[in-house]
Amino acid sequence: KNVGIFRITELMPVLGADLGEVADKLFDDLVAIQPHRSKGERVGT
């Protein structure tokens, strides 16, 4: 119903009492480009 340039993935369960901290960690892991990731880091990791 919202065909366009955005979409969402399936909702997944996550644990954490502080939603702000949970959101920050998920964002860092799944969206942000981490500065500490070196060129040689295994993609498999």
ModelCIF file with pLDDT and N, C-alpha, C, O atoms, coordinates in Angstrom:
data_MODEL
#
_entry.id   MODEL 
#
_entity.id                         1 
_entity.type                       polymer 
_entity.pdbx_number_of_molecules   1 
#
_entity_poly.entity_id                      1 
_entity_poly.type                           'polypeptide(L)' 
_entity_poly.nstd_linkage                   no 
_entity_poly.nstd_monomer                   no 
_entity_poly.pdbx_seq_one_letter_code       KNVGIFRITELMPVLGADLGEVADKLFDDLVAIQPHRSKGERVGT 
_entity_poly.pdbx_seq_one_letter_code_can   KNVGIFRITELMPVLGADLGEVADKLFDDLVAIQPHRSKGERVGT 
_entity_poly.pdbx_strand_id                 A 
#
loop_
_entity_poly_seq.entity_id 
_entity_poly_seq.num 
_entity_poly_seq.mon_id 
_entity_poly_seq.hetero 
1 1  LYS n 
1 2  ASN n 
1 3  VAL n 
1 4  GLY n 
1 5  ILE n 
1 6  PHE n 
1 7  ARG n 
1 8  ILE n 
1 9  THR n 
1 10 GLU n 
1 11 LEU n 
1 12 MET n 
1 13 PRO n 
1 14 VAL n 
1 15 LEU n 
1 16 GLY n 
1 17 ALA n 
1 18 ASP n 
1 19 LEU n 
1 20 GLY n 
1 21 GLU n 
1 22 VAL n 
1 23 ALA n 
1 24 ASP n 
1 25 LYS n 
1 26 LEU n 
1 27 PHE n 
1 28 ASP n 
1 29 ASP n 
1 30 LEU n 
1 31 VAL n 
1 32 ALA n 
1 33 ILE n 
1 34 GLN n 
1 35 PRO n 
1 36 HIS n 
1 37 ARG n 
1 38 SER n 
1 39 LYS n 
1 40 GLY n 
1 41 GLU n 
1 42 ARG n 
1 43 VAL n 
1 44 GLY n 
1 45 THR n 
#
_struct_asym.id          A 
_struct_asym.entity_id   1 
#
loop_
_ma_qa_metric.id 
_ma_qa_metric.mode 
_ma_qa_metric.name 
_ma_qa_metric.software_group_id 
_ma_qa_metric.type 
1 global pLDDT . pLDDT 
2 local  pLDDT . pLDDT 
#
_ma_qa_metric_global.metric_id      1 
_ma_qa_metric_global.metric_value   74.13 
_ma_qa_metric_global.model_id       1 
_ma_qa_metric_global.ordinal_id     1 
#
loop_
_ma_qa_metric_local.label_asym_id 
_ma_qa_metric_local.label_comp_id 
_ma_qa_metric_local.label_seq_id 
_ma_qa_metric_local.metric_id 
_ma_qa_metric_local.metric_value 
_ma_qa_metric_local.model_id 
_ma_qa_metric_local.ordinal_id 
A LYS 1  2 78.00 1 1  
A ASN 2  2 72.00 1 2  
A VAL 3  2 68.00 1 3  
A GLY 4  2 75.00 1 4  
A ILE 5  2 81.00 1 5  
A PHE 6  2 85.00 1 6  
A ARG 7  2 85.00 1 7  
A ILE 8  2 85.00 1 8  
A THR 9  2 85.00 1 9  
A GLU 10 2 82.00 1 10 
A LEU 11 2 83.00 1 11 
A MET 12 2 84.00 1 12 
A PRO 13 2 85.00 1 13 
A VAL 14 2 83.00 1 14 
A LEU 15 2 80.00 1 15 
A GLY 16 2 77.00 1 16 
A ALA 17 2 77.00 1 17 
A ASP 18 2 85.00 1 18 
A LEU 19 2 87.00 1 19 
A GLY 20 2 87.00 1 20 
A GLU 21 2 87.00 1 21 
A VAL 22 2 87.00 1 22 
A ALA 23 2 88.00 1 23 
A ASP 24 2 87.00 1 24 
A LYS 25 2 85.00 1 25 
A LEU 26 2 86.00 1 26 
A PHE 27 2 86.00 1 27 
A ASP 28 2 81.00 1 28 
A ASP 29 2 79.00 1 29 
A LEU 30 2 81.00 1 30 
A VAL 31 2 81.00 1 31 
A ALA 32 2 73.00 1 32 
A ILE 33 2 55.00 1 33 
A GLN 34 2 44.00 1 34 
A PRO 35 2 38.00 1 35 
A HIS 36 2 38.00 1 36 
A ARG 37 2 41.00 1 37 
A SER 38 2 40.00 1 38 
A LYS 39 2 41.00 1 39 
A GLY 40 2 38.00 1 40 
A GLU 41 2 47.00 1 41 
A ARG 42 2 74.00 1 42 
A VAL 43 2 85.00 1 43 
A GLY 44 2 86.00 1 44 
A THR 45 2 84.00 1 45 
#
loop_
_atom_site.group_PDB 
_atom_site.id 
_atom_site.type_symbol 
_atom_site.label_atom_id 
_atom_site.label_alt_id 
_atom_site.label_comp_id 
_atom_site.label_asym_id 
_atom_site.label_entity_id 
_atom_site.label_seq_id 
_atom_site.pdbx_PDB_ins_code 
_atom_site.Cartn_x 
_atom_site.Cartn_y 
_atom_site.Cartn_z 
_atom_site.occupancy 
_atom_site.B_iso_or_equiv 
_atom_site.pdbx_formal_charge 
_atom_site.auth_seq_id 
_atom_site.auth_comp_id 
_atom_site.auth_asym_id 
_atom_site.auth_atom_id 
_atom_site.pdbx_PDB_model_num 
ATOM 1   N N  . LYS A 1 1  ? 0.815  -1.218  0.000  1.00 78.00 ? 1  LYS A N  1 
ATOM 2   C CA . LYS A 1 1  ? 0.000  0.000   0.000  1.00 78.00 ? 1  LYS A CA 1 
ATOM 3   C C  . LYS A 1 1  ? 0.846  1.265   0.000  1.00 78.00 ? 1  LYS A C  1 
ATOM 4   O O  . LYS A 1 1  ? 0.318  2.367   -0.146 1.00 78.00 ? 1  LYS A O  1 
ATOM 5   N N  . ASN A 1 2  ? 2.144  1.112   0.162  1.00 72.00 ? 2  ASN A N  1 
ATOM 6   C CA . ASN A 1 2  ? 3.033  2.275   0.214  1.00 72.00 ? 2  ASN A CA 1 
ATOM 7   C C  . ASN A 1 2  ? 4.149  2.133   -0.820 1.00 72.00 ? 2  ASN A C  1 
ATOM 8   O O  . ASN A 1 2  ? 5.328  2.329   -0.523 1.00 72.00 ? 2  ASN A O  1 
ATOM 9   N N  . VAL A 1 3  ? 3.740  1.786   -2.041 1.00 68.00 ? 3  VAL A N  1 
ATOM 10  C CA . VAL A 1 3  ? 4.705  1.587   -3.112 1.00 68.00 ? 3  VAL A CA 1 
ATOM 11  C C  . VAL A 1 3  ? 5.441  2.903   -3.375 1.00 68.00 ? 3  VAL A C  1 
ATOM 12  O O  . VAL A 1 3  ? 4.812  3.934   -3.612 1.00 68.00 ? 3  VAL A O  1 
ATOM 13  N N  . GLY A 1 4  ? 6.738  2.862   -3.335 1.00 75.00 ? 4  GLY A N  1 
ATOM 14  C CA . GLY A 1 4  ? 7.537  4.066   -3.535 1.00 75.00 ? 4  GLY A CA 1 
ATOM 15  C C  . GLY A 1 4  ? 9.001  3.756   -3.312 1.00 75.00 ? 4  GLY A C  1 
ATOM 16  O O  . GLY A 1 4  ? 9.454  2.641   -3.570 1.00 75.00 ? 4  GLY A O  1 
ATOM 17  N N  . ILE A 1 5  ? 9.736  4.736   -2.838 1.00 81.00 ? 5  ILE A N  1 
ATOM 18  C CA . ILE A 1 5  ? 11.186 4.553   -2.703 1.00 81.00 ? 5  ILE A CA 1 
ATOM 19  C C  . ILE A 1 5  ? 11.580 3.943   -1.365 1.00 81.00 ? 5  ILE A C  1 
ATOM 20  O O  . ILE A 1 5  ? 12.754 3.636   -1.154 1.00 81.00 ? 5  ILE A O  1 
ATOM 21  N N  . PHE A 1 6  ? 10.614 3.758   -0.449 1.00 85.00 ? 6  PHE A N  1 
ATOM 22  C CA . PHE A 1 6  ? 10.913 3.155   0.850  1.00 85.00 ? 6  PHE A CA 1 
ATOM 23  C C  . PHE A 1 6  ? 10.088 1.894   1.065  1.00 85.00 ? 6  PHE A C  1 
ATOM 24  O O  . PHE A 1 6  ? 9.011  1.723   0.493  1.00 85.00 ? 6  PHE A O  1 
ATOM 25  N N  . ARG A 1 7  ? 10.618 1.026   1.899  1.00 85.00 ? 7  ARG A N  1 
ATOM 26  C CA . ARG A 1 7  ? 9.870  -0.144  2.335  1.00 85.00 ? 7  ARG A CA 1 
ATOM 27  C C  . ARG A 1 7  ? 10.435 -0.581  3.685  1.00 85.00 ? 7  ARG A C  1 
ATOM 28  O O  . ARG A 1 7  ? 11.453 -0.053  4.133  1.00 85.00 ? 7  ARG A O  1 
ATOM 29  N N  . ILE A 1 8  ? 9.779  -1.545  4.334  1.00 85.00 ? 8  ILE A N  1 
ATOM 30  C CA . ILE A 1 8  ? 10.267 -2.065  5.600  1.00 85.00 ? 8  ILE A CA 1 
ATOM 31  C C  . ILE A 1 8  ? 10.463 -3.569  5.488  1.00 85.00 ? 8  ILE A C  1 
ATOM 32  O O  . ILE A 1 8  ? 9.833  -4.230  4.663  1.00 85.00 ? 8  ILE A O  1 
ATOM 33  N N  . THR A 1 9  ? 11.348 -4.105  6.333  1.00 85.00 ? 9  THR A N  1 
ATOM 34  C CA . THR A 1 9  ? 11.544 -5.544  6.408  1.00 85.00 ? 9  THR A CA 1 
ATOM 35  C C  . THR A 1 9  ? 10.588 -6.125  7.442  1.00 85.00 ? 9  THR A C  1 
ATOM 36  O O  . THR A 1 9  ? 9.852  -5.387  8.097  1.00 85.00 ? 9  THR A O  1 
ATOM 37  N N  . GLU A 1 10 ? 10.600 -7.440  7.588  1.00 82.00 ? 10 GLU A N  1 
ATOM 38  C CA . GLU A 1 10 ? 9.746  -8.091  8.577  1.00 82.00 ? 10 GLU A CA 1 
ATOM 39  C C  . GLU A 1 10 ? 10.086 -7.597  9.982  1.00 82.00 ? 10 GLU A C  1 
ATOM 40  O O  . GLU A 1 10 ? 11.244 -7.315  10.289 1.00 82.00 ? 10 GLU A O  1 
ATOM 41  N N  . LEU A 1 11 ? 9.068  -7.497  10.825 1.00 83.00 ? 11 LEU A N  1 
ATOM 42  C CA . LEU A 1 11 ? 9.278  -7.157  12.226 1.00 83.00 ? 11 LEU A CA 1 
ATOM 43  C C  . LEU A 1 11 ? 9.924  -8.332  12.946 1.00 83.00 ? 11 LEU A C  1 
ATOM 44  O O  . LEU A 1 11 ? 9.473  -9.470  12.823 1.00 83.00 ? 11 LEU A O  1 
ATOM 45  N N  . MET A 1 12 ? 10.989 -8.047  13.701 1.00 84.00 ? 12 MET A N  1 
ATOM 46  C CA . MET A 1 12 ? 11.726 -9.073  14.418 1.00 84.00 ? 12 MET A CA 1 
ATOM 47  C C  . MET A 1 12 ? 11.748 -8.743  15.905 1.00 84.00 ? 12 MET A C  1 
ATOM 48  O O  . MET A 1 12 ? 11.813 -7.572  16.277 1.00 84.00 ? 12 MET A O  1 
ATOM 49  N N  . PRO A 1 13 ? 11.693 -9.777  16.771 1.00 85.00 ? 13 PRO A N  1 
ATOM 50  C CA . PRO A 1 13 ? 11.752 -9.511  18.208 1.00 85.00 ? 13 PRO A CA 1 
ATOM 51  C C  . PRO A 1 13 ? 13.152 -9.100  18.649 1.00 85.00 ? 13 PRO A C  1 
ATOM 52  O O  . PRO A 1 13 ? 14.150 -9.537  18.075 1.00 85.00 ? 13 PRO A O  1 
ATOM 53  N N  . VAL A 1 14 ? 13.213 -8.263  19.663 1.00 83.00 ? 14 VAL A N  1 
ATOM 54  C CA . VAL A 1 14 ? 14.497 -7.838  20.210 1.00 83.00 ? 14 VAL A CA 1 
ATOM 55  C C  . VAL A 1 14 ? 14.292 -7.563  21.696 1.00 83.00 ? 14 VAL A C  1 
ATOM 56  O O  . VAL A 1 14 ? 13.223 -7.113  22.110 1.00 83.00 ? 14 VAL A O  1 
ATOM 57  N N  . LEU A 1 15 ? 15.326 -7.837  22.496 1.00 80.00 ? 15 LEU A N  1 
ATOM 58  C CA . LEU A 1 15 ? 15.247 -7.617  23.932 1.00 80.00 ? 15 LEU A CA 1 
ATOM 59  C C  . LEU A 1 15 ? 16.089 -6.420  24.335 1.00 80.00 ? 15 LEU A C  1 
ATOM 60  O O  . LEU A 1 15 ? 17.146 -6.160  23.761 1.00 80.00 ? 15 LEU A O  1 
ATOM 61  N N  . GLY A 1 16 ? 15.597 -5.694  25.337 1.00 77.00 ? 16 GLY A N  1 
ATOM 62  C CA . GLY A 1 16 ? 16.326 -4.541  25.850 1.00 77.00 ? 16 GLY A CA 1 
ATOM 63  C C  . GLY A 1 16 ? 15.368 -3.586  26.513 1.00 77.00 ? 16 GLY A C  1 
ATOM 64  O O  . GLY A 1 16 ? 14.383 -3.173  25.901 1.00 77.00 ? 16 GLY A O  1 
ATOM 65  N N  . ALA A 1 17 ? 15.638 -3.225  27.762 1.00 77.00 ? 17 ALA A N  1 
ATOM 66  C CA . ALA A 1 17 ? 14.724 -2.370  28.498 1.00 77.00 ? 17 ALA A CA 1 
ATOM 67  C C  . ALA A 1 17 ? 14.733 -0.937  27.984 1.00 77.00 ? 17 ALA A C  1 
ATOM 68  O O  . ALA A 1 17 ? 13.697 -0.273  27.985 1.00 77.00 ? 17 ALA A O  1 
ATOM 69  N N  . ASP A 1 18 ? 15.899 -0.450  27.543 1.00 85.00 ? 18 ASP A N  1 
ATOM 70  C CA . ASP A 1 18 ? 16.022 0.924   27.057 1.00 85.00 ? 18 ASP A CA 1 
ATOM 71  C C  . ASP A 1 18 ? 15.905 0.916   25.535 1.00 85.00 ? 18 ASP A C  1 
ATOM 72  O O  . ASP A 1 18 ? 16.843 0.518   24.843 1.00 85.00 ? 18 ASP A O  1 
ATOM 73  N N  . LEU A 1 19 ? 14.768 1.350   25.013 1.00 87.00 ? 19 LEU A N  1 
ATOM 74  C CA . LEU A 1 19 ? 14.545 1.285   23.569 1.00 87.00 ? 19 LEU A CA 1 
ATOM 75  C C  . LEU A 1 19 ? 15.527 2.163   22.803 1.00 87.00 ? 19 LEU A C  1 
ATOM 76  O O  . LEU A 1 19 ? 15.895 1.840   21.673 1.00 87.00 ? 19 LEU A O  1 
ATOM 77  N N  . GLY A 1 20 ? 15.952 3.267   23.407 1.00 87.00 ? 20 GLY A N  1 
ATOM 78  C CA . GLY A 1 20 ? 16.928 4.128   22.749 1.00 87.00 ? 20 GLY A CA 1 
ATOM 79  C C  . GLY A 1 20 ? 18.248 3.413   22.543 1.00 87.00 ? 20 GLY A C  1 
ATOM 80  O O  . GLY A 1 20 ? 18.841 3.507   21.469 1.00 87.00 ? 20 GLY A O  1 
ATOM 81  N N  . GLU A 1 21 ? 18.721 2.695   23.563 1.00 87.00 ? 21 GLU A N  1 
ATOM 82  C CA . GLU A 1 21 ? 19.971 1.943   23.445 1.00 87.00 ? 21 GLU A CA 1 
ATOM 83  C C  . GLU A 1 21 ? 19.824 0.817   22.431 1.00 87.00 ? 21 GLU A C  1 
ATOM 84  O O  . GLU A 1 21 ? 20.738 0.557   21.649 1.00 87.00 ? 21 GLU A O  1 
ATOM 85  N N  . VAL A 1 22 ? 18.670 0.146   22.446 1.00 87.00 ? 22 VAL A N  1 
ATOM 86  C CA . VAL A 1 22 ? 18.418 -0.930  21.474 1.00 87.00 ? 22 VAL A CA 1 
ATOM 87  C C  . VAL A 1 22 ? 18.458 -0.371  20.056 1.00 87.00 ? 22 VAL A C  1 
ATOM 88  O O  . VAL A 1 22 ? 19.084 -0.953  19.170 1.00 87.00 ? 22 VAL A O  1 
ATOM 89  N N  . ALA A 1 23 ? 17.784 0.764   19.845 1.00 88.00 ? 23 ALA A N  1 
ATOM 90  C CA . ALA A 1 23 ? 17.737 1.370   18.513 1.00 88.00 ? 23 ALA A CA 1 
ATOM 91  C C  . ALA A 1 23 ? 19.131 1.797   18.062 1.00 88.00 ? 23 ALA A C  1 
ATOM 92  O O  . ALA A 1 23 ? 19.489 1.612   16.899 1.00 88.00 ? 23 ALA A O  1 
ATOM 93  N N  . ASP A 1 24 ? 19.924 2.372   18.980 1.00 87.00 ? 24 ASP A N  1 
ATOM 94  C CA . ASP A 1 24 ? 21.281 2.804   18.629 1.00 87.00 ? 24 ASP A CA 1 
ATOM 95  C C  . ASP A 1 24 ? 22.134 1.622   18.196 1.00 87.00 ? 24 ASP A C  1 
ATOM 96  O O  . ASP A 1 24 ? 22.862 1.709   17.207 1.00 87.00 ? 24 ASP A O  1 
ATOM 97  N N  . LYS A 1 25 ? 22.049 0.510   18.935 1.00 85.00 ? 25 LYS A N  1 
ATOM 98  C CA . LYS A 1 25 ? 22.862 -0.663  18.607 1.00 85.00 ? 25 LYS A CA 1 
ATOM 99  C C  . LYS A 1 25 ? 22.445 -1.274  17.273 1.00 85.00 ? 25 LYS A C  1 
ATOM 100 O O  . LYS A 1 25 ? 23.289 -1.629  16.450 1.00 85.00 ? 25 LYS A O  1 
ATOM 101 N N  . LEU A 1 26 ? 21.134 -1.391  17.070 1.00 86.00 ? 26 LEU A N  1 
ATOM 102 C CA . LEU A 1 26 ? 20.657 -1.936  15.800 1.00 86.00 ? 26 LEU A CA 1 
ATOM 103 C C  . LEU A 1 26 ? 21.071 -1.047  14.636 1.00 86.00 ? 26 LEU A C  1 
ATOM 104 O O  . LEU A 1 26 ? 21.473 -1.544  13.584 1.00 86.00 ? 26 LEU A O  1 
ATOM 105 N N  . PHE A 1 27 ? 20.974 0.261   14.821 1.00 86.00 ? 27 PHE A N  1 
ATOM 106 C CA . PHE A 1 27 ? 21.368 1.187   13.767 1.00 86.00 ? 27 PHE A CA 1 
ATOM 107 C C  . PHE A 1 27 ? 22.858 1.029   13.447 1.00 86.00 ? 27 PHE A C  1 
ATOM 108 O O  . PHE A 1 27 ? 23.240 0.958   12.279 1.00 86.00 ? 27 PHE A O  1 
ATOM 109 N N  . ASP A 1 28 ? 23.691 0.975   14.480 1.00 81.00 ? 28 ASP A N  1 
ATOM 110 C CA . ASP A 1 28 ? 25.131 0.816   14.256 1.00 81.00 ? 28 ASP A CA 1 
ATOM 111 C C  . ASP A 1 28 ? 25.451 -0.486  13.536 1.00 81.00 ? 28 ASP A C  1 
ATOM 112 O O  . ASP A 1 28 ? 26.320 -0.533  12.666 1.00 81.00 ? 28 ASP A O  1 
ATOM 113 N N  . ASP A 1 29 ? 24.725 -1.557  13.917 1.00 79.00 ? 29 ASP A N  1 
ATOM 114 C CA . ASP A 1 29 ? 25.021 -2.878  13.345 1.00 79.00 ? 29 ASP A CA 1 
ATOM 115 C C  . ASP A 1 29 ? 24.474 -3.061  11.936 1.00 79.00 ? 29 ASP A C  1 
ATOM 116 O O  . ASP A 1 29 ? 25.099 -3.720  11.106 1.00 79.00 ? 29 ASP A O  1 
ATOM 117 N N  . LEU A 1 30 ? 23.303 -2.476  11.663 1.00 81.00 ? 30 LEU A N  1 
ATOM 118 C CA . LEU A 1 30 ? 22.595 -2.790  10.424 1.00 81.00 ? 30 LEU A CA 1 
ATOM 119 C C  . LEU A 1 30 ? 22.579 -1.658  9.396  1.00 81.00 ? 30 LEU A C  1 
ATOM 120 O O  . LEU A 1 30 ? 22.283 -1.893  8.225  1.00 81.00 ? 30 LEU A O  1 
ATOM 121 N N  . VAL A 1 31 ? 22.891 -0.447  9.818  1.00 81.00 ? 31 VAL A N  1 
ATOM 122 C CA . VAL A 1 31 ? 22.771 0.695   8.903  1.00 81.00 ? 31 VAL A CA 1 
ATOM 123 C C  . VAL A 1 31 ? 24.065 1.480   8.782  1.00 81.00 ? 31 VAL A C  1 
ATOM 124 O O  . VAL A 1 31 ? 24.571 1.695   7.680  1.00 81.00 ? 31 VAL A O  1 
ATOM 125 N N  . ALA A 1 32 ? 24.599 1.909   9.922  1.00 73.00 ? 32 ALA A N  1 
ATOM 126 C CA . ALA A 1 32 ? 25.747 2.813   9.893  1.00 73.00 ? 32 ALA A CA 1 
ATOM 127 C C  . ALA A 1 32 ? 26.998 2.126   9.365  1.00 73.00 ? 32 ALA A C  1 
ATOM 128 O O  . ALA A 1 32 ? 27.183 0.923   9.546  1.00 73.00 ? 32 ALA A O  1 
ATOM 129 N N  . ILE A 1 33 ? 27.849 2.899   8.716  1.00 55.00 ? 33 ILE A N  1 
ATOM 130 C CA . ILE A 1 33 ? 29.176 2.413   8.334  1.00 55.00 ? 33 ILE A CA 1 
ATOM 131 C C  . ILE A 1 33 ? 30.079 2.615   9.528  1.00 55.00 ? 33 ILE A C  1 
ATOM 132 O O  . ILE A 1 33 ? 30.323 3.750   9.937  1.00 55.00 ? 33 ILE A O  1 
ATOM 133 N N  . GLN A 1 34 ? 30.573 1.543   10.086 1.00 44.00 ? 34 GLN A N  1 
ATOM 134 C CA . GLN A 1 34 ? 31.374 1.625   11.287 1.00 44.00 ? 34 GLN A CA 1 
ATOM 135 C C  . GLN A 1 34 ? 32.792 2.072   10.979 1.00 44.00 ? 34 GLN A C  1 
ATOM 136 O O  . GLN A 1 34 ? 33.435 1.475   10.116 1.00 44.00 ? 34 GLN A O  1 
ATOM 137 N N  . PRO A 1 35 ? 33.315 3.115   11.658 1.00 38.00 ? 35 PRO A N  1 
ATOM 138 C CA . PRO A 1 35 ? 34.666 3.587   11.397 1.00 38.00 ? 35 PRO A CA 1 
ATOM 139 C C  . PRO A 1 35 ? 35.734 2.537   11.654 1.00 38.00 ? 35 PRO A C  1 
ATOM 140 O O  . PRO A 1 35 ? 36.782 2.549   11.009 1.00 38.00 ? 35 PRO A O  1 
ATOM 141 N N  . HIS A 1 36 ? 35.477 1.614   12.605 1.00 38.00 ? 36 HIS A N  1 
ATOM 142 C CA . HIS A 1 36 ? 36.509 0.644   12.952 1.00 38.00 ? 36 HIS A CA 1 
ATOM 143 C C  . HIS A 1 36 ? 36.581 -0.518  11.973 1.00 38.00 ? 36 HIS A C  1 
ATOM 144 O O  . HIS A 1 36 ? 37.461 -1.371  12.094 1.00 38.00 ? 36 HIS A O  1 
ATOM 145 N N  . ARG A 1 37 ? 35.682 -0.565  11.018 1.00 41.00 ? 37 ARG A N  1 
ATOM 146 C CA . ARG A 1 37 ? 35.726 -1.662  10.052 1.00 41.00 ? 37 ARG A CA 1 
ATOM 147 C C  . ARG A 1 37 ? 36.823 -1.400  9.038  1.00 41.00 ? 37 ARG A C  1 
ATOM 148 O O  . ARG A 1 37 ? 36.734 -0.468  8.239  1.00 41.00 ? 37 ARG A O  1 
ATOM 149 N N  . SER A 1 38 ? 37.838 -2.212  9.074  1.00 40.00 ? 38 SER A N  1 
ATOM 150 C CA . SER A 1 38 ? 38.951 -2.040  8.153  1.00 40.00 ? 38 SER A CA 1 
ATOM 151 C C  . SER A 1 38 ? 38.641 -2.705  6.829  1.00 40.00 ? 38 SER A C  1 
ATOM 152 O O  . SER A 1 38 ? 37.753 -3.553  6.737  1.00 40.00 ? 38 SER A O  1 
ATOM 153 N N  . LYS A 1 39 ? 39.370 -2.318  5.822  1.00 41.00 ? 39 LYS A N  1 
ATOM 154 C CA . LYS A 1 39 ? 39.172 -2.875  4.479  1.00 41.00 ? 39 LYS A CA 1 
ATOM 155 C C  . LYS A 1 39 ? 39.376 -4.380  4.472  1.00 41.00 ? 39 LYS A C  1 
ATOM 156 O O  . LYS A 1 39 ? 38.766 -5.097  3.680  1.00 41.00 ? 39 LYS A O  1 
ATOM 157 N N  . GLY A 1 40 ? 40.251 -4.857  5.375  1.00 38.00 ? 40 GLY A N  1 
ATOM 158 C CA . GLY A 1 40 ? 40.566 -6.282  5.384  1.00 38.00 ? 40 GLY A CA 1 
ATOM 159 C C  . GLY A 1 40 ? 39.622 -7.133  6.212  1.00 38.00 ? 40 GLY A C  1 
ATOM 160 O O  . GLY A 1 40 ? 39.773 -8.354  6.256  1.00 38.00 ? 40 GLY A O  1 
ATOM 161 N N  . GLU A 1 41 ? 38.641 -6.508  6.875  1.00 47.00 ? 41 GLU A N  1 
ATOM 162 C CA . GLU A 1 41 ? 37.730 -7.300  7.692  1.00 47.00 ? 41 GLU A CA 1 
ATOM 163 C C  . GLU A 1 41 ? 36.960 -8.281  6.820  1.00 47.00 ? 41 GLU A C  1 
ATOM 164 O O  . GLU A 1 41 ? 36.509 -7.933  5.728  1.00 47.00 ? 41 GLU A O  1 
ATOM 165 N N  . ARG A 1 42 ? 36.816 -9.494  7.302  1.00 74.00 ? 42 ARG A N  1 
ATOM 166 C CA . ARG A 1 42 ? 36.128 -10.525 6.543  1.00 74.00 ? 42 ARG A CA 1 
ATOM 167 C C  . ARG A 1 42 ? 34.662 -10.167 6.353  1.00 74.00 ? 42 ARG A C  1 
ATOM 168 O O  . ARG A 1 42 ? 33.957 -9.826  7.304  1.00 74.00 ? 42 ARG A O  1 
ATOM 169 N N  . VAL A 1 43 ? 34.222 -10.252 5.108  1.00 85.00 ? 43 VAL A N  1 
ATOM 170 C CA . VAL A 1 43 ? 32.814 -10.029 4.830  1.00 85.00 ? 43 VAL A CA 1 
ATOM 171 C C  . VAL A 1 43 ? 31.993 -11.120 5.510  1.00 85.00 ? 43 VAL A C  1 
ATOM 172 O O  . VAL A 1 43 ? 30.859 -10.887 5.928  1.00 85.00 ? 43 VAL A O  1 
ATOM 173 N N  . GLY A 1 44 ? 32.582 -12.324 5.617  1.00 86.00 ? 44 GLY A N  1 
ATOM 174 C CA . GLY A 1 44 ? 31.888 -13.427 6.266  1.00 86.00 ? 44 GLY A CA 1 
ATOM 175 C C  . GLY A 1 44 ? 31.509 -13.123 7.702  1.00 86.00 ? 44 GLY A C  1 
ATOM 176 O O  . GLY A 1 44 ? 30.474 -13.584 8.181  1.00 86.00 ? 44 GLY A O  1 
ATOM 177 N N  . THR A 1 45 ? 32.337 -12.349 8.395  1.00 84.00 ? 45 THR A N  1 
ATOM 178 C CA . THR A 1 45 ? 32.033 -11.972 9.775  1.00 84.00 ? 45 THR A CA 1 
ATOM 179 C C  . THR A 1 45 ? 30.780 -11.111 9.821  1.00 84.00 ? 45 THR A C  1 
ATOM 180 O O  . THR A 1 45 ? 30.359 -10.691 10.899 1.00 84.00 ? 45 THR A O  1 
#
